Amino acid sequence: VVMAAWDASKWQFPDGYMVEQFAADTGDWDFWPIVVQGALAGAIMVRGCDMHVCVQPQHFKRWATPSLYRRVLNHKRVHGRLRTVVAEQHQAGRDFVERFGFRVYGNRGLTLLYELR
């Protein structure tokens, strides 16, 4: 599942950042598989209240099943809130988190900080 997250998100990392570094940097995260029509389409990465969704572009707007929504909301209930970050230019990511109810609470340069309470 780590490879699915990498494959879906590697486009946004700087040149030279490789899967081995990604795996080391995310070693303390949990990965939930995202399956679309029987194929592994990406992963939701979670660590405490932090969450990142990594989905291959061809699956945008088709991956968020009711069971995944429930799992995300149950995770929010446990942690009291959820946080994520989205690159300002990544419109599909911004659209998704805003539809889900996340609100911008700040930024780091061109990265928007979102929270769901």
C-alpha atoms as a PDB file:
ATOM      1  CA  VAL A   1       0.000   0.000   0.000  1.00  0.00           C
ATOM      2  CA  VAL A   2       2.991   2.301   0.577  1.00  0.00           C
ATOM      3  CA  MET A   3       3.889   1.848  -3.102  1.00  0.00           C
ATOM      4  CA  ALA A   4       0.343   2.815  -4.105  1.00  0.00           C
ATOM      5  CA  ALA A   5       0.677   6.032  -2.105  1.00  0.00           C
ATOM      6  CA  TRP A   6       4.071   6.703  -3.695  1.00  0.00           C
ATOM      7  CA  ASP A   7       2.847   6.007  -7.235  1.00  0.00           C
ATOM      8  CA  ALA A   8      -0.106   8.344  -6.756  1.00  0.00           C
ATOM      9  CA  SER A   9       1.879  11.209  -5.249  1.00  0.00           C
ATOM     10  CA  LYS A  10       5.447  11.062  -6.578  1.00  0.00           C
ATOM     11  CA  TRP A  11       4.723  13.817  -9.129  1.00  0.00           C
ATOM     12  CA  GLN A  12       4.679  16.405  -6.357  1.00  0.00           C
ATOM     13  CA  PHE A  13       8.077  15.621  -4.837  1.00  0.00           C
ATOM     14  CA  PRO A  14      11.357  17.272  -5.880  1.00  0.00           C
ATOM     15  CA  ASP A  15      13.690  15.571  -8.350  1.00  0.00           C
ATOM     16  CA  GLY A  16      15.887  13.058  -6.588  1.00  0.00           C
ATOM     17  CA  TYR A  17      13.320  12.206  -3.873  1.00  0.00           C
ATOM     18  CA  MET A  18      12.941   8.455  -4.272  1.00  0.00           C
ATOM     19  CA  VAL A  19      10.559   5.788  -3.037  1.00  0.00           C
ATOM     20  CA  GLU A  20      13.090   4.615  -0.424  1.00  0.00           C
ATOM     21  CA  GLN A  21      13.132   8.069   1.172  1.00  0.00           C
ATOM     22  CA  PHE A  22       9.337   8.267   0.993  1.00  0.00           C
ATOM     23  CA  ALA A  23       9.056   4.885   2.746  1.00  0.00           C
ATOM     24  CA  ALA A  24      11.532   5.989   5.444  1.00  0.00           C
ATOM     25  CA  ASP A  25       9.768   9.345   5.939  1.00  0.00           C
ATOM     26  CA  THR A  26       6.357   7.676   6.279  1.00  0.00           C
ATOM     27  CA  GLY A  27       7.436   4.704   8.380  1.00  0.00           C
ATOM     28  CA  ASP A  28       5.348   5.852  11.357  1.00  0.00           C
ATOM     29  CA  TRP A  29       2.190   6.432   9.268  1.00  0.00           C
ATOM     30  CA  ASP A  30      -0.664   3.971   8.705  1.00  0.00           C
ATOM     31  CA  PHE A  31      -1.807   3.364   5.138  1.00  0.00           C
ATOM     32  CA  TRP A  32      -5.402   2.551   4.197  1.00  0.00           C
ATOM     33  CA  PRO A  33      -5.801   1.126   0.697  1.00  0.00           C
ATOM     34  CA  ILE A  34      -8.027   2.856  -1.836  1.00  0.00           C
ATOM     35  CA  VAL A  35      -9.517   0.339  -4.247  1.00  0.00           C
ATOM     36  CA  VAL A  36     -11.444   1.313  -7.381  1.00  0.00           C
ATOM     37  CA  GLN A  37     -13.093  -1.455  -9.413  1.00  0.00           C
ATOM     38  CA  GLY A  38     -10.820  -4.046  -7.846  1.00  0.00           C
ATOM     39  CA  ALA A  39      -7.568  -2.151  -8.544  1.00  0.00           C
ATOM     40  CA  LEU A  40      -5.353  -0.470  -5.971  1.00  0.00           C
ATOM     41  CA  ALA A  41      -5.762   3.239  -6.847  1.00  0.00           C
ATOM     42  CA  GLY A  42      -3.835   4.821  -3.975  1.00  0.00           C
ATOM     43  CA  ALA A  43      -3.895   5.125  -0.204  1.00  0.00           C
ATOM     44  CA  ILE A  44      -4.989   7.302   2.654  1.00  0.00           C
ATOM     45  CA  MET A  45      -2.068   7.996   4.964  1.00  0.00           C
ATOM     46  CA  VAL A  46      -2.865   8.681   8.634  1.00  0.00           C
ATOM     47  CA  ARG A  47      -0.805   9.537  11.688  1.00  0.00           C
ATOM     48  CA  GLY A  48      -2.769  10.861  14.642  1.00  0.00           C
ATOM     49  CA  CYS A  49      -4.951  13.689  13.359  1.00  0.00           C
ATOM     50  CA  ASP A  50      -2.833  14.150  10.213  1.00  0.00           C
ATOM     51  CA  MET A  51      -4.159  12.656   7.009  1.00  0.00           C
ATOM     52  CA  HIS A  52      -3.124  12.689   3.366  1.00  0.00           C
ATOM     53  CA  VAL A  53      -4.967  11.181   0.433  1.00  0.00           C
ATOM     54  CA  CYS A  54      -2.851   9.839  -2.420  1.00  0.00           C
ATOM     55  CA  VAL A  55      -4.947   8.846  -5.453  1.00  0.00           C
ATOM     56  CA  GLN A  56      -3.867   8.267  -9.019  1.00  0.00           C
ATOM     57  CA  PRO A  57      -5.323  11.026 -11.240  1.00  0.00           C
ATOM     58  CA  GLN A  58      -7.370   8.646 -13.377  1.00  0.00           C
ATOM     59  CA  HIS A  59      -9.345   7.791 -10.215  1.00  0.00           C
ATOM     60  CA  PHE A  60     -10.095  11.351  -9.093  1.00  0.00           C
ATOM     61  CA  LYS A  61     -13.803  11.750  -8.246  1.00  0.00           C
ATOM     62  CA  ARG A  62     -14.335   7.950  -8.313  1.00  0.00           C
ATOM     63  CA  TRP A  63     -12.515   6.617  -5.267  1.00  0.00           C
ATOM     64  CA  ALA A  64     -14.324   8.049  -2.220  1.00  0.00           C
ATOM     65  CA  THR A  65     -16.732   5.295  -1.255  1.00  0.00           C
ATOM     66  CA  PRO A  66     -19.208   5.583   1.619  1.00  0.00           C
ATOM     67  CA  SER A  67     -17.135   3.096   3.644  1.00  0.00           C
ATOM     68  CA  LEU A  68     -13.998   5.255   3.238  1.00  0.00           C
ATOM     69  CA  TYR A  69     -15.966   8.355   4.270  1.00  0.00           C
ATOM     70  CA  ARG A  70     -17.133   6.490   7.377  1.00  0.00           C
ATOM     71  CA  ARG A  71     -13.594   5.370   8.161  1.00  0.00           C
ATOM     72  CA  VAL A  72     -12.292   8.943   7.835  1.00  0.00           C
ATOM     73  CA  LEU A  73     -15.088  10.333  10.022  1.00  0.00           C
ATOM     74  CA  ASN A  74     -14.526   7.618  12.638  1.00  0.00           C
ATOM     75  CA  HIS A  75     -10.844   8.576  12.675  1.00  0.00           C
ATOM     76  CA  LYS A  76     -11.874  12.202  13.208  1.00  0.00           C
ATOM     77  CA  ARG A  77     -14.079  11.193  16.143  1.00  0.00           C
ATOM     78  CA  VAL A  78     -11.139   9.420  17.771  1.00  0.00           C
ATOM     79  CA  HIS A  79      -8.730  12.353  17.297  1.00  0.00           C
ATOM     80  CA  GLY A  80     -11.158  15.275  17.582  1.00  0.00           C
ATOM     81  CA  ARG A  81     -10.019  16.820  14.308  1.00  0.00           C
ATOM     82  CA  LEU A  82      -8.190  16.055  11.077  1.00  0.00           C
ATOM     83  CA  ARG A  83      -5.461  18.053   9.386  1.00  0.00           C
ATOM     84  CA  THR A  84      -4.058  17.851   5.884  1.00  0.00           C
ATOM     85  CA  VAL A  85      -2.058  19.943   3.440  1.00  0.00           C
ATOM     86  CA  VAL A  86      -2.696  20.563  -0.248  1.00  0.00           C
ATOM     87  CA  ALA A  87      -0.509  22.316  -2.799  1.00  0.00           C
ATOM     88  CA  GLU A  88      -2.212  25.524  -3.847  1.00  0.00           C
ATOM     89  CA  GLN A  89      -2.070  24.559  -7.538  1.00  0.00           C
ATOM     90  CA  HIS A  90      -3.555  21.066  -6.941  1.00  0.00           C
ATOM     91  CA  GLN A  91      -7.157  21.972  -7.714  1.00  0.00           C
ATOM     92  CA  ALA A  92      -8.529  18.401  -7.543  1.00  0.00           C
ATOM     93  CA  GLY A  93      -7.069  17.974  -4.040  1.00  0.00           C
ATOM     94  CA  ARG A  94      -8.418  21.320  -2.875  1.00  0.00           C
ATOM     95  CA  ASP A  95     -11.849  20.558  -4.324  1.00  0.00           C
ATOM     96  CA  PHE A  96     -11.978  17.199  -2.532  1.00  0.00           C
ATOM     97  CA  VAL A  97     -10.973  18.390   0.935  1.00  0.00           C
ATOM     98  CA  GLU A  98     -13.279  21.404   0.710  1.00  0.00           C
ATOM     99  CA  ARG A  99     -16.224  19.207  -0.380  1.00  0.00           C
ATOM    100  CA  PHE A 100     -15.452  16.961   2.579  1.00  0.00           C
ATOM    101  CA  GLY A 101     -15.697  19.951   4.933  1.00  0.00           C
ATOM    102  CA  PHE A 102     -12.046  20.846   5.579  1.00  0.00           C
ATOM    103  CA  ARG A 103     -11.339  24.570   5.953  1.00  0.00           C
ATOM    104  CA  VAL A 104      -8.104  26.463   5.296  1.00  0.00           C
ATOM    105  CA  TYR A 105      -6.469  27.637   8.522  1.00  0.00           C
ATOM    106  CA  GLY A 106      -3.133  28.802   7.160  1.00  0.00           C
ATOM    107  CA  ASN A 107      -0.419  28.264   4.601  1.00  0.00           C
ATOM    108  CA  ARG A 108       3.260  27.473   4.192  1.00  0.00           C
ATOM    109  CA  GLY A 109       4.236  29.229   1.005  1.00  0.00           C
ATOM    110  CA  LEU A 110       2.237  27.602  -1.767  1.00  0.00           C
ATOM    111  CA  THR A 111       0.927  24.832   0.495  1.00  0.00           C
ATOM    112  CA  LEU A 112      -2.505  25.312   2.086  1.00  0.00           C
ATOM    113  CA  LEU A 113      -3.121  23.961   5.599  1.00  0.00           C
ATOM    114  CA  TYR A 114      -6.583  22.458   6.107  1.00  0.00           C
ATOM    115  CA  GLU A 115      -8.455  21.268   9.176  1.00  0.00           C
ATOM    116  CA  LEU A 116     -11.730  19.449   9.801  1.00  0.00           C
ATOM    117  CA  ARG A 117     -13.269  19.896  13.241  1.00  0.00           C
END
